Amino acid sequence: MSQIEAQIMGQGYALGCPEGAEERLQQAVGAVDSAMCKIRDAGKIKARERIAVLAAINIAFDIGESSKEAHPPFPMNITDLEQLISRLDEALADDGKLL
């Protein structure tokens, strides 16, 4: 397992990453950062935890929309959601757990 440095909403995170998946993880970090910054910049929500939850919901919804043909209708299966929440918990370790 390797480690990458990532920036989400201007805050640095050290993230564990399986060997060979660094580019995919950086793309995921970029998507999360973009989603969170968009919510923050809308100006209605300030708390990082709430921004993260809304970004996770938006990303999960987008994944469900884009995979309708390949999978049964949304919602995502519980394993996918647990993995997403686990990754968010890791990224927000200094801010507290989401659940």
PDB file of N, CA and C in Angstrom:
ATOM      1  N   MET A   1       0.855  -1.172   0.000  1.00  0.00           N
ATOM      2  CA  MET A   1       0.000   0.000   0.000  1.00  0.00           C
ATOM      3  C   MET A   1       0.897   1.230   0.000  1.00  0.00           C
ATOM      4  N   SER A   2       0.561   2.172  -0.867  1.00  0.00           N
ATOM      5  CA  SER A   2       1.295   3.428  -0.919  1.00  0.00           C
ATOM      6  C   SER A   2       0.470   4.515  -0.238  1.00  0.00           C
ATOM      7  N   GLN A   3       1.042   5.692  -0.174  1.00  0.00           N
ATOM      8  CA  GLN A   3       0.346   6.809   0.445  1.00  0.00           C
ATOM      9  C   GLN A   3       0.449   7.995  -0.496  1.00  0.00           C
ATOM     10  N   ILE A   4      -0.665   8.718  -0.643  1.00  0.00           N
ATOM     11  CA  ILE A   4      -0.644   9.928  -1.454  1.00  0.00           C
ATOM     12  C   ILE A   4      -1.079  11.110  -0.598  1.00  0.00           C
ATOM     13  N   GLU A   5      -0.624  12.278  -0.984  1.00  0.00           N
ATOM     14  CA  GLU A   5      -1.047  13.517  -0.340  1.00  0.00           C
ATOM     15  C   GLU A   5      -2.157  14.111  -1.202  1.00  0.00           C
ATOM     16  N   ALA A   6      -3.216  14.566  -0.573  1.00  0.00           N
ATOM     17  CA  ALA A   6      -4.353  15.116  -1.308  1.00  0.00           C
ATOM     18  C   ALA A   6      -4.829  16.389  -0.623  1.00  0.00           C
ATOM     19  N   GLN A   7      -5.440  17.254  -1.403  1.00  0.00           N
ATOM     20  CA  GLN A   7      -6.036  18.484  -0.894  1.00  0.00           C
ATOM     21  C   GLN A   7      -7.531  18.442  -1.173  1.00  0.00           C
ATOM     22  N   ILE A   8      -8.316  18.615  -0.121  1.00  0.00           N
ATOM     23  CA  ILE A   8      -9.765  18.706  -0.257  1.00  0.00           C
ATOM     24  C   ILE A   8     -10.211  19.960   0.477  1.00  0.00           C
ATOM     25  N   MET A   9     -10.833  20.858  -0.240  1.00  0.00           N
ATOM     26  CA  MET A   9     -11.249  22.156   0.300  1.00  0.00           C
ATOM     27  C   MET A   9     -10.101  22.864   1.012  1.00  0.00           C
ATOM     28  N   GLY A  10      -8.901  22.784   0.409  1.00  0.00           N
ATOM     29  CA  GLY A  10      -7.742  23.481   0.949  1.00  0.00           C
ATOM     30  C   GLY A  10      -7.069  22.816   2.130  1.00  0.00           C
ATOM     31  N   GLN A  11      -7.555  21.681   2.556  1.00  0.00           N
ATOM     32  CA  GLN A  11      -6.966  20.974   3.693  1.00  0.00           C
ATOM     33  C   GLN A  11      -6.243  19.733   3.184  1.00  0.00           C
ATOM     34  N   GLY A  12      -5.044  19.502   3.708  1.00  0.00           N
ATOM     35  CA  GLY A  12      -4.243  18.373   3.279  1.00  0.00           C
ATOM     36  C   GLY A  12      -4.606  17.087   3.996  1.00  0.00           C
ATOM     37  N   TYR A  13      -4.546  15.984   3.239  1.00  0.00           N
ATOM     38  CA  TYR A  13      -4.821  14.653   3.774  1.00  0.00           C
ATOM     39  C   TYR A  13      -3.784  13.678   3.241  1.00  0.00           C
ATOM     40  N   ALA A  14      -3.331  12.775   4.092  1.00  0.00           N
ATOM     41  CA  ALA A  14      -2.493  11.659   3.669  1.00  0.00           C
ATOM     42  C   ALA A  14      -3.417  10.451   3.557  1.00  0.00           C
ATOM     43  N   LEU A  15      -3.515   9.892   2.358  1.00  0.00           N
ATOM     44  CA  LEU A  15      -4.454   8.803   2.110  1.00  0.00           C
ATOM     45  C   LEU A  15      -3.712   7.535   1.716  1.00  0.00           C
ATOM     46  N   GLY A  16      -4.080   6.408   2.334  1.00  0.00           N
ATOM     47  CA  GLY A  16      -3.560   5.117   1.926  1.00  0.00           C
ATOM     48  C   GLY A  16      -4.165   4.731   0.593  1.00  0.00           C
ATOM     49  N   CYS A  17      -3.357   4.070  -0.233  1.00  0.00           N
ATOM     50  CA  CYS A  17      -3.808   3.742  -1.582  1.00  0.00           C
ATOM     51  C   CYS A  17      -3.195   2.425  -2.020  1.00  0.00           C
ATOM     52  N   PRO A  18      -3.999   1.516  -2.583  1.00  0.00           N
ATOM     53  CA  PRO A  18      -3.429   0.278  -3.119  1.00  0.00           C
ATOM     54  C   PRO A  18      -2.427   0.599  -4.231  1.00  0.00           C
ATOM     55  N   GLU A  19      -1.369  -0.186  -4.317  1.00  0.00           N
ATOM     56  CA  GLU A  19      -0.363  -0.002  -5.359  1.00  0.00           C
ATOM     57  C   GLU A  19      -1.033  -0.005  -6.727  1.00  0.00           C
ATOM     58  N   GLY A  20      -0.650   0.947  -7.558  1.00  0.00           N
ATOM     59  CA  GLY A  20      -1.179   1.010  -8.912  1.00  0.00           C
ATOM     60  C   GLY A  20      -2.493   1.748  -9.056  1.00  0.00           C
ATOM     61  N   ALA A  21      -3.107   2.168  -7.956  1.00  0.00           N
ATOM     62  CA  ALA A  21      -4.401   2.847  -8.024  1.00  0.00           C
ATOM     63  C   ALA A  21      -4.292   4.328  -7.701  1.00  0.00           C
ATOM     64  N   GLU A  22      -3.077   4.858  -7.697  1.00  0.00           N
ATOM     65  CA  GLU A  22      -2.864   6.251  -7.311  1.00  0.00           C
ATOM     66  C   GLU A  22      -3.626   7.229  -8.206  1.00  0.00           C
ATOM     67  N   GLU A  23      -3.590   6.992  -9.516  1.00  0.00           N
ATOM     68  CA  GLU A  23      -4.277   7.908 -10.436  1.00  0.00           C
ATOM     69  C   GLU A  23      -5.791   7.884 -10.212  1.00  0.00           C
ATOM     70  N   ARG A  24      -6.339   6.694 -10.015  1.00  0.00           N
ATOM     71  CA  ARG A  24      -7.780   6.584  -9.744  1.00  0.00           C
ATOM     72  C   ARG A  24      -8.159   7.294  -8.454  1.00  0.00           C
ATOM     73  N   LEU A  25      -7.321   7.135  -7.416  1.00  0.00           N
ATOM     74  CA  LEU A  25      -7.607   7.795  -6.144  1.00  0.00           C
ATOM     75  C   LEU A  25      -7.507   9.313  -6.298  1.00  0.00           C
ATOM     76  N   GLN A  26      -6.512   9.795  -7.044  1.00  0.00           N
ATOM     77  CA  GLN A  26      -6.395  11.245  -7.275  1.00  0.00           C
ATOM     78  C   GLN A  26      -7.618  11.772  -8.022  1.00  0.00           C
ATOM     79  N   GLN A  27      -8.140  10.999  -8.968  1.00  0.00           N
ATOM     80  CA  GLN A  27      -9.358  11.402  -9.670  1.00  0.00           C
ATOM     81  C   GLN A  27     -10.540  11.461  -8.711  1.00  0.00           C
ATOM     82  N   ALA A  28     -10.620  10.485  -7.813  1.00  0.00           N
ATOM     83  CA  ALA A  28     -11.697  10.478  -6.815  1.00  0.00           C
ATOM     84  C   ALA A  28     -11.572  11.682  -5.887  1.00  0.00           C
ATOM     85  N   VAL A  29     -10.352  11.975  -5.454  1.00  0.00           N
ATOM     86  CA  VAL A  29     -10.113  13.141  -4.601  1.00  0.00           C
ATOM     87  C   VAL A  29     -10.540  14.409  -5.334  1.00  0.00           C
ATOM     88  N   GLY A  30     -10.206  14.502  -6.609  1.00  0.00           N
ATOM     89  CA  GLY A  30     -10.603  15.673  -7.399  1.00  0.00           C
ATOM     90  C   GLY A  30     -12.111  15.822  -7.480  1.00  0.00           C
ATOM     91  N   ALA A  31     -12.808  14.697  -7.649  1.00  0.00           N
ATOM     92  CA  ALA A  31     -14.269  14.737  -7.717  1.00  0.00           C
ATOM     93  C   ALA A  31     -14.863  15.172  -6.378  1.00  0.00           C
ATOM     94  N   VAL A  32     -14.326  14.642  -5.282  1.00  0.00           N
ATOM     95  CA  VAL A  32     -14.819  15.011  -3.944  1.00  0.00           C
ATOM     96  C   VAL A  32     -14.528  16.478  -3.665  1.00  0.00           C
ATOM     97  N   ASP A  33     -13.309  16.917  -3.980  1.00  0.00           N
ATOM     98  CA  ASP A  33     -12.938  18.316  -3.760  1.00  0.00           C
ATOM     99  C   ASP A  33     -13.851  19.242  -4.562  1.00  0.00           C
ATOM    100  N   SER A  34     -14.075  18.899  -5.814  1.00  0.00           N
ATOM    101  CA  SER A  34     -14.936  19.712  -6.668  1.00  0.00           C
ATOM    102  C   SER A  34     -16.359  19.787  -6.115  1.00  0.00           C
ATOM    103  N   ALA A  35     -16.894  18.633  -5.725  1.00  0.00           N
ATOM    104  CA  ALA A  35     -18.264  18.596  -5.188  1.00  0.00           C
ATOM    105  C   ALA A  35     -18.367  19.390  -3.892  1.00  0.00           C
ATOM    106  N   MET A  36     -17.385  19.226  -3.010  1.00  0.00           N
ATOM    107  CA  MET A  36     -17.428  19.934  -1.728  1.00  0.00           C
ATOM    108  C   MET A  36     -17.257  21.438  -1.911  1.00  0.00           C
ATOM    109  N   CYS A  37     -16.332  21.846  -2.788  1.00  0.00           N
ATOM    110  CA  CYS A  37     -16.118  23.275  -3.024  1.00  0.00           C
ATOM    111  C   CYS A  37     -17.345  23.927  -3.653  1.00  0.00           C
ATOM    112  N   LYS A  38     -18.016  23.206  -4.547  1.00  0.00           N
ATOM    113  CA  LYS A  38     -19.229  23.728  -5.178  1.00  0.00           C
ATOM    114  C   LYS A  38     -20.310  23.995  -4.120  1.00  0.00           C
ATOM    115  N   ILE A  39     -20.466  23.055  -3.188  1.00  0.00           N
ATOM    116  CA  ILE A  39     -21.457  23.227  -2.119  1.00  0.00           C
ATOM    117  C   ILE A  39     -21.047  24.375  -1.203  1.00  0.00           C
ATOM    118  N   ARG A  40     -19.768  24.401  -0.815  1.00  0.00           N
ATOM    119  CA  ARG A  40     -19.268  25.483   0.054  1.00  0.00           C
ATOM    120  C   ARG A  40     -19.443  26.837  -0.612  1.00  0.00           C
ATOM    121  N   ASP A  41     -19.099  26.922  -1.896  1.00  0.00           N
ATOM    122  CA  ASP A  41     -19.141  28.205  -2.605  1.00  0.00           C
ATOM    123  C   ASP A  41     -20.563  28.700  -2.845  1.00  0.00           C
ATOM    124  N   ALA A  42     -21.538  27.803  -2.764  1.00  0.00           N
ATOM    125  CA  ALA A  42     -22.932  28.228  -2.874  1.00  0.00           C
ATOM    126  C   ALA A  42     -23.309  29.107  -1.687  1.00  0.00           C
ATOM    127  N   GLY A  43     -22.545  28.976  -0.582  1.00  0.00           N
ATOM    128  CA  GLY A  43     -22.675  29.894   0.534  1.00  0.00           C
ATOM    129  C   GLY A  43     -23.714  29.583   1.581  1.00  0.00           C
ATOM    130  N   LYS A  44     -24.484  28.515   1.404  1.00  0.00           N
ATOM    131  CA  LYS A  44     -25.551  28.244   2.357  1.00  0.00           C
ATOM    132  C   LYS A  44     -25.104  27.362   3.512  1.00  0.00           C
ATOM    133  N   ILE A  45     -24.074  26.554   3.290  1.00  0.00           N
ATOM    134  CA  ILE A  45     -23.627  25.600   4.306  1.00  0.00           C
ATOM    135  C   ILE A  45     -22.160  25.851   4.595  1.00  0.00           C
ATOM    136  N   LYS A  46     -21.808  25.941   5.862  1.00  0.00           N
ATOM    137  CA  LYS A  46     -20.430  26.230   6.255  1.00  0.00           C
ATOM    138  C   LYS A  46     -19.733  25.050   6.923  1.00  0.00           C
ATOM    139  N   ALA A  47     -20.478  24.193   7.619  1.00  0.00           N
ATOM    140  CA  ALA A  47     -19.871  23.098   8.377  1.00  0.00           C
ATOM    141  C   ALA A  47     -19.297  22.045   7.435  1.00  0.00           C
ATOM    142  N   ARG A  48     -18.022  21.743   7.609  1.00  0.00           N
ATOM    143  CA  ARG A  48     -17.326  20.782   6.745  1.00  0.00           C
ATOM    144  C   ARG A  48     -18.026  19.427   6.726  1.00  0.00           C
ATOM    145  N   GLU A  49     -18.533  18.965   7.863  1.00  0.00           N
ATOM    146  CA  GLU A  49     -19.193  17.659   7.925  1.00  0.00           C
ATOM    147  C   GLU A  49     -20.454  17.642   7.070  1.00  0.00           C
ATOM    148  N   ARG A  50     -21.230  18.697   7.142  1.00  0.00           N
ATOM    149  CA  ARG A  50     -22.462  18.771   6.345  1.00  0.00           C
ATOM    150  C   ARG A  50     -22.138  18.858   4.857  1.00  0.00           C
ATOM    151  N   ILE A  51     -21.105  19.615   4.522  1.00  0.00           N
ATOM    152  CA  ILE A  51     -20.674  19.707   3.131  1.00  0.00           C
ATOM    153  C   ILE A  51     -20.256  18.333   2.633  1.00  0.00           C
ATOM    154  N   ALA A  52     -19.505  17.585   3.459  1.00  0.00           N
ATOM    155  CA  ALA A  52     -19.050  16.252   3.058  1.00  0.00           C
ATOM    156  C   ALA A  52     -20.214  15.300   2.845  1.00  0.00           C
ATOM    157  N   VAL A  53     -21.198  15.355   3.723  1.00  0.00           N
ATOM    158  CA  VAL A  53     -22.358  14.472   3.584  1.00  0.00           C
ATOM    159  C   VAL A  53     -23.122  14.806   2.309  1.00  0.00           C
ATOM    160  N   LEU A  54     -23.363  16.082   2.053  1.00  0.00           N
ATOM    161  CA  LEU A  54     -24.084  16.460   0.836  1.00  0.00           C
ATOM    162  C   LEU A  54     -23.294  16.088  -0.412  1.00  0.00           C
ATOM    163  N   ALA A  55     -21.978  16.270  -0.376  1.00  0.00           N
ATOM    164  CA  ALA A  55     -21.145  15.885  -1.524  1.00  0.00           C
ATOM    165  C   ALA A  55     -21.227  14.382  -1.742  1.00  0.00           C
ATOM    166  N   ALA A  56     -21.177  13.597  -0.665  1.00  0.00           N
ATOM    167  CA  ALA A  56     -21.267  12.133  -0.784  1.00  0.00           C
ATOM    168  C   ALA A  56     -22.602  11.726  -1.392  1.00  0.00           C
ATOM    169  N   ILE A  57     -23.670  12.360  -0.957  1.00  0.00           N
ATOM    170  CA  ILE A  57     -24.994  12.048  -1.505  1.00  0.00           C
ATOM    171  C   ILE A  57     -25.050  12.399  -2.990  1.00  0.00           C
ATOM    172  N   ASN A  58     -24.530  13.574  -3.344  1.00  0.00           N
ATOM    173  CA  ASN A  58     -24.528  13.979  -4.752  1.00  0.00           C
ATOM    174  C   ASN A  58     -23.705  13.020  -5.610  1.00  0.00           C
ATOM    175  N   ILE A  59     -22.534  12.624  -5.123  1.00  0.00           N
ATOM    176  CA  ILE A  59     -21.681  11.703  -5.868  1.00  0.00           C
ATOM    177  C   ILE A  59     -22.363  10.349  -5.997  1.00  0.00           C
ATOM    178  N   ALA A  60     -22.935   9.845  -4.909  1.00  0.00           N
ATOM    179  CA  ALA A  60     -23.629   8.555  -4.957  1.00  0.00           C
ATOM    180  C   ALA A  60     -24.806   8.610  -5.923  1.00  0.00           C
ATOM    181  N   PHE A  61     -25.523   9.709  -5.923  1.00  0.00           N
ATOM    182  CA  PHE A  61     -26.643   9.867  -6.856  1.00  0.00           C
ATOM    183  C   PHE A  61     -26.148   9.846  -8.297  1.00  0.00           C
ATOM    184  N   ASP A  62     -25.060  10.586  -8.554  1.00  0.00           N
ATOM    185  CA  ASP A  62     -24.493  10.620  -9.905  1.00  0.00           C
ATOM    186  C   ASP A  62     -24.035   9.235 -10.349  1.00  0.00           C
ATOM    187  N   ILE A  63     -23.439   8.482  -9.442  1.00  0.00           N
ATOM    188  CA  ILE A  63     -23.002   7.119  -9.762  1.00  0.00           C
ATOM    189  C   ILE A  63     -24.221   6.273 -10.110  1.00  0.00           C
ATOM    190  N   GLY A  64     -25.265   6.398  -9.326  1.00  0.00           N
ATOM    191  CA  GLY A  64     -26.487   5.646  -9.590  1.00  0.00           C
ATOM    192  C   GLY A  64     -27.106   6.012 -10.929  1.00  0.00           C
ATOM    193  N   GLU A  65     -27.105   7.298 -11.252  1.00  0.00           N
ATOM    194  CA  GLU A  65     -27.654   7.748 -12.529  1.00  0.00           C
ATOM    195  C   GLU A  65     -26.848   7.206 -13.703  1.00  0.00           C
ATOM    196  N   SER A  66     -25.525   7.220 -13.569  1.00  0.00           N
ATOM    197  CA  SER A  66     -24.678   6.807 -14.692  1.00  0.00           C
ATOM    198  C   SER A  66     -24.624   5.302 -14.872  1.00  0.00           C
ATOM    199  N   SER A  67     -25.049   4.552 -13.869  1.00  0.00           N
ATOM    200  CA  SER A  67     -24.959   3.091 -13.987  1.00  0.00           C
ATOM    201  C   SER A  67     -26.330   2.413 -14.067  1.00  0.00           C
ATOM    202  N   LYS A  68     -27.361   3.152 -14.404  1.00  0.00           N
ATOM    203  CA  LYS A  68     -28.708   2.570 -14.470  1.00  0.00           C
ATOM    204  C   LYS A  68     -28.789   1.409 -15.442  1.00  0.00           C
ATOM    205  N   GLU A  69     -28.117   1.522 -16.599  1.00  0.00           N
ATOM    206  CA  GLU A  69     -28.189   0.444 -17.578  1.00  0.00           C
ATOM    207  C   GLU A  69     -27.422  -0.791 -17.118  1.00  0.00           C
ATOM    208  N   ALA A  70     -26.341  -0.593 -16.394  1.00  0.00           N
ATOM    209  CA  ALA A  70     -25.475  -1.713 -16.007  1.00  0.00           C
ATOM    210  C   ALA A  70     -25.959  -2.433 -14.753  1.00  0.00           C
ATOM    211  N   HIS A  71     -26.759  -1.766 -13.932  1.00  0.00           N
ATOM    212  CA  HIS A  71     -27.161  -2.318 -12.640  1.00  0.00           C
ATOM    213  C   HIS A  71     -28.656  -2.109 -12.432  1.00  0.00           C
ATOM    214  N   PRO A  72     -29.200  -2.790 -11.454  1.00  0.00           N
ATOM    215  CA  PRO A  72     -30.587  -2.506 -11.082  1.00  0.00           C
ATOM    216  C   PRO A  72     -30.717  -1.043 -10.654  1.00  0.00           C
ATOM    217  N   PRO A  73     -31.911  -0.515 -10.624  1.00  0.00           N
ATOM    218  CA  PRO A  73     -32.097   0.894 -10.264  1.00  0.00           C
ATOM    219  C   PRO A  73     -31.479   1.239  -8.915  1.00  0.00           C
ATOM    220  N   PHE A  74     -31.131   2.509  -8.798  1.00  0.00           N
ATOM    221  CA  PHE A  74     -30.590   3.048  -7.548  1.00  0.00           C
ATOM    222  C   PHE A  74     -31.561   2.737  -6.424  1.00  0.00           C
ATOM    223  N   PRO A  75     -31.194   2.497  -5.201  1.00  0.00           N
ATOM    224  CA  PRO A  75     -29.953   2.922  -4.571  1.00  0.00           C
ATOM    225  C   PRO A  75     -28.793   1.947  -4.757  1.00  0.00           C
ATOM    226  N   MET A  76     -27.608   2.463  -4.452  1.00  0.00           N
ATOM    227  CA  MET A  76     -26.416   1.632  -4.484  1.00  0.00           C
ATOM    228  C   MET A  76     -26.575   0.534  -3.442  1.00  0.00           C
ATOM    229  N   ASN A  77     -25.833  -0.558  -3.619  1.00  0.00           N
ATOM    230  CA  ASN A  77     -25.911  -1.595  -2.594  1.00  0.00           C
ATOM    231  C   ASN A  77     -25.207  -1.114  -1.329  1.00  0.00           C
ATOM    232  N   ILE A  78     -25.518  -1.731  -0.226  1.00  0.00           N
ATOM    233  CA  ILE A  78     -25.029  -1.276   1.079  1.00  0.00           C
ATOM    234  C   ILE A  78     -23.519  -1.334   1.184  1.00  0.00           C
ATOM    235  N   THR A  79     -22.885  -2.299   0.523  1.00  0.00           N
ATOM    236  CA  THR A  79     -21.425  -2.396   0.567  1.00  0.00           C
ATOM    237  C   THR A  79     -20.790  -1.166  -0.063  1.00  0.00           C
ATOM    238  N   ASP A  80     -21.312  -0.710  -1.206  1.00  0.00           N
ATOM    239  CA  ASP A  80     -20.781   0.486  -1.856  1.00  0.00           C
ATOM    240  C   ASP A  80     -20.934   1.703  -0.957  1.00  0.00           C
ATOM    241  N   LEU A  81     -22.090   1.846  -0.333  1.00  0.00           N
ATOM    242  CA  LEU A  81     -22.312   2.987   0.549  1.00  0.00           C
ATOM    243  C   LEU A  81     -21.406   2.929   1.771  1.00  0.00           C
ATOM    244  N   GLU A  82     -21.219   1.737   2.346  1.00  0.00           N
ATOM    245  CA  GLU A  82     -20.334   1.601   3.501  1.00  0.00           C
ATOM    246  C   GLU A  82     -18.905   1.960   3.133  1.00  0.00           C
ATOM    247  N   GLN A  83     -18.452   1.560   1.944  1.00  0.00           N
ATOM    248  CA  GLN A  83     -17.103   1.896   1.505  1.00  0.00           C
ATOM    249  C   GLN A  83     -16.964   3.399   1.298  1.00  0.00           C
ATOM    250  N   LEU A  84     -17.974   4.033   0.725  1.00  0.00           N
ATOM    251  CA  LEU A  84     -17.941   5.474   0.527  1.00  0.00           C
ATOM    252  C   LEU A  84     -17.890   6.211   1.860  1.00  0.00           C
ATOM    253  N   ILE A  85     -18.703   5.809   2.809  1.00  0.00           N
ATOM    254  CA  ILE A  85     -18.710   6.439   4.130  1.00  0.00           C
ATOM    255  C   ILE A  85     -17.379   6.199   4.840  1.00  0.00           C
ATOM    256  N   SER A  86     -16.834   4.999   4.707  1.00  0.00           N
ATOM    257  CA  SER A  86     -15.542   4.693   5.323  1.00  0.00           C
ATOM    258  C   SER A  86     -14.444   5.599   4.780  1.00  0.00           C
ATOM    259  N   ARG A  87     -14.426   5.788   3.470  1.00  0.00           N
ATOM    260  CA  ARG A  87     -13.412   6.668   2.872  1.00  0.00           C
ATOM    261  C   ARG A  87     -13.597   8.111   3.320  1.00  0.00           C
ATOM    262  N   LEU A  88     -14.841   8.556   3.410  1.00  0.00           N
ATOM    263  CA  LEU A  88     -15.092   9.912   3.900  1.00  0.00           C
ATOM    264  C   LEU A  88     -14.667  10.051   5.354  1.00  0.00           C
ATOM    265  N   ASP A  89     -14.942   9.039   6.172  1.00  0.00           N
ATOM    266  CA  ASP A  89     -14.513   9.060   7.571  1.00  0.00           C
ATOM    267  C   ASP A  89     -12.999   9.179   7.666  1.00  0.00           C
ATOM    268  N   GLU A  90     -12.282   8.423   6.829  1.00  0.00           N
ATOM    269  CA  GLU A  90     -10.821   8.491   6.830  1.00  0.00           C
ATOM    270  C   GLU A  90     -10.347   9.885   6.442  1.00  0.00           C
ATOM    271  N   ALA A  91     -10.965  10.446   5.408  1.00  0.00           N
ATOM    272  CA  ALA A  91     -10.559  11.771   4.938  1.00  0.00           C
ATOM    273  C   ALA A  91     -10.872  12.853   5.959  1.00  0.00           C
ATOM    274  N   LEU A  92     -11.915  12.659   6.737  1.00  0.00           N
ATOM    275  CA  LEU A  92     -12.336  13.657   7.715  1.00  0.00           C
ATOM    276  C   LEU A  92     -11.950  13.280   9.147  1.00  0.00           C
ATOM    277  N   ALA A  93     -10.958  12.430   9.290  1.00  0.00           N
ATOM    278  CA  ALA A  93     -10.597  11.898  10.613  1.00  0.00           C
ATOM    279  C   ALA A  93     -10.395  13.021  11.636  1.00  0.00           C
ATOM    280  N   ASP A  94      -9.793  14.112  11.237  1.00  0.00           N
ATOM    281  CA  ASP A  94      -9.551  15.213  12.185  1.00  0.00           C
ATOM    282  C   ASP A  94     -10.828  15.971  12.523  1.00  0.00           C
ATOM    283  N   ASP A  95     -11.839  15.864  11.662  1.00  0.00           N
ATOM    284  CA  ASP A  95     -13.093  16.593  11.880  1.00  0.00           C
ATOM    285  C   ASP A  95     -14.157  15.761  12.577  1.00  0.00           C
ATOM    286  N   GLY A  96     -13.943  14.462  12.720  1.00  0.00           N
ATOM    287  CA  GLY A  96     -14.927  13.589  13.339  1.00  0.00           C
ATOM    288  C   GLY A  96     -15.607  12.682  12.339  1.00  0.00           C
ATOM    289  N   LYS A  97     -16.241  11.650  12.851  1.00  0.00           N
ATOM    290  CA  LYS A  97     -16.913  10.664  11.999  1.00  0.00           C
ATOM    291  C   LYS A  97     -18.243  11.206  11.495  1.00  0.00           C
ATOM    292  N   LEU A  98     -18.628  10.747  10.306  1.00  0.00           N
ATOM    293  CA  LEU A  98     -19.916  11.142   9.754  1.00  0.00           C
ATOM    294  C   LEU A  98     -21.053  10.422  10.461  1.00  0.00           C
ATOM    295  N   LEU A  99     -20.856   9.155  10.793  1.00  0.00           N
ATOM    296  CA  LEU A  99     -21.903   8.370  11.452  1.00  0.00           C
ATOM    297  C   LEU A  99     -21.405   7.869  12.779  1.00  0.00           C
TER     298      LEU A  99
END
